[in-house]
Protein backbone atom coordinates (compact mmCIF):
# COMPACT_ATOMS: atom_id res chain seq x y z
CA MET A 1 0.00 0.00 0.00
CA LYS A 2 1.39 3.36 -1.07
CA LYS A 3 1.42 6.26 1.35
CA PHE A 4 1.21 9.75 -0.03
CA TYR A 5 2.28 12.36 2.48
CA GLY A 6 0.81 15.82 2.25
CA TYR A 7 -2.54 14.57 0.93
CA LEU A 8 -5.79 14.05 2.81
CA LYS A 9 -8.55 11.59 2.11
CA PRO A 10 -12.06 13.06 1.94
CA TRP A 11 -12.97 11.67 5.38
CA GLU A 12 -9.87 13.36 6.83
CA VAL A 13 -10.93 16.68 5.27
CA SER A 14 -14.38 16.13 6.78
CA ARG A 15 -12.92 15.67 10.23
CA TYR A 16 -10.53 18.59 9.84
CA LEU A 17 -13.22 21.02 8.62
CA GLY A 18 -15.86 19.70 11.02
CA ILE A 19 -18.44 19.01 8.34
CA ARG A 20 -20.09 15.79 7.22
CA LEU A 21 -18.30 13.56 4.72
CA GLU A 22 -21.26 13.83 2.34
CA GLU A 23 -20.81 17.61 2.27
CA VAL A 24 -17.08 17.30 1.57
CA GLU A 25 -17.86 14.91 -1.29
CA LYS A 26 -20.38 17.39 -2.75
CA MET A 27 -17.82 20.20 -2.48
CA LEU A 28 -15.24 18.04 -4.25
CA GLU A 29 -17.70 17.15 -7.03
CA ARG A 30 -18.46 20.85 -7.56
CA GLU A 31 -14.73 21.63 -7.45
CA GLU A 32 -15.21 23.95 -4.48
CA LEU A 33 -12.26 22.31 -2.72
CA PRO A 34 -8.80 21.80 -4.23
CA SER A 35 -8.20 18.16 -5.13
CA THR A 36 -6.17 15.81 -7.26
CA LEU A 37 -6.42 12.17 -8.33
CA ILE A 38 -3.80 9.75 -7.05
CA ASP A 39 -4.10 6.21 -8.39
CA GLY A 40 -7.74 6.98 -9.23
CA ASN A 41 -8.58 8.22 -5.72
CA VAL A 42 -9.52 11.78 -4.83
CA ARG A 43 -7.06 13.42 -2.47
CA VAL A 44 -6.83 16.95 -1.14
CA PRO A 45 -3.33 18.43 -1.01
CA TRP A 46 -2.70 19.69 2.50
CA ASP A 47 -0.92 22.85 1.37
CA LYS A 48 -3.70 23.75 -1.10
CA LEU A 49 -6.37 23.13 1.55
CA GLU A 50 -4.54 25.45 3.93
CA ALA A 51 -4.17 28.08 1.19
CA TRP A 52 -7.89 27.70 0.38
CA LEU A 53 -8.75 28.28 4.04
CA ASP A 54 -6.45 31.31 4.19
CA GLU A 55 -7.86 32.95 1.06
CA GLU A 56 -9.68 36.19 1.52
CA VAL A 57 -13.30 35.32 2.07
CA ASN A 58 -15.87 37.12 -0.02
CA GLU A 59 -19.65 37.29 0.29
CA SER A 60 -20.21 34.58 -2.31
CA SER A 61 -17.90 32.11 -0.58
CA ILE A 62 -19.61 32.72 2.78
CA HIS A 63 -22.99 31.92 1.24
CA GLN A 64 -21.51 28.87 -0.48
CA LEU A 65 -19.91 27.50 2.69
CA SER A 66 -22.98 28.21 4.82
CA GLN A 67 -25.00 25.90 2.60
CA HIS A 68 -22.88 23.00 3.85
CA LEU A 69 -23.52 23.69 7.53
CA LYS A 70 -26.55 22.38 9.34
CA ASP A 71 -28.83 24.80 11.13
CA VAL A 72 -27.55 27.88 9.30
CA GLU A 73 -30.38 30.01 8.00
CA HIS A 74 -30.10 32.29 4.96
CA GLU A 75 -31.30 35.20 7.08
CA ASP A 76 -28.51 34.62 9.60
CA VAL A 77 -25.89 34.72 6.85
CA ALA A 78 -27.40 37.90 5.36
CA SER A 79 -27.47 39.50 8.81
CA PHE A 80 -23.85 38.52 9.46
CA LEU A 81 -22.76 39.97 6.13
CA SER A 82 -24.58 43.24 6.64
CA ASP A 83 -23.05 43.60 10.12
CA HIS A 84 -19.51 42.89 8.85
CA LYS A 85 -19.31 44.68 5.52
CA ASN A 86 -16.01 46.40 4.89
CA PRO A 87 -16.38 50.06 3.97
CA THR A 88 -15.05 50.58 0.46
């Protein structure tokens, strides 16, 4: 069995992000998370996941991520965004 260091399996991403595996799989299918194929298996490069998490978050990405979280209402996200808008 080959070991590939620096890559996470989807269930490991699920545990790390604190969201259900099914949600991680949906995000991977929609190419919302960085991924690569290794021997036909989807893996998430650790460094790209960290960079993805460190990216500047915009309003669209907050809405997108909130859809993957249970018990998050659209109104709550809209309220959060209106309370935290950066003056431009």
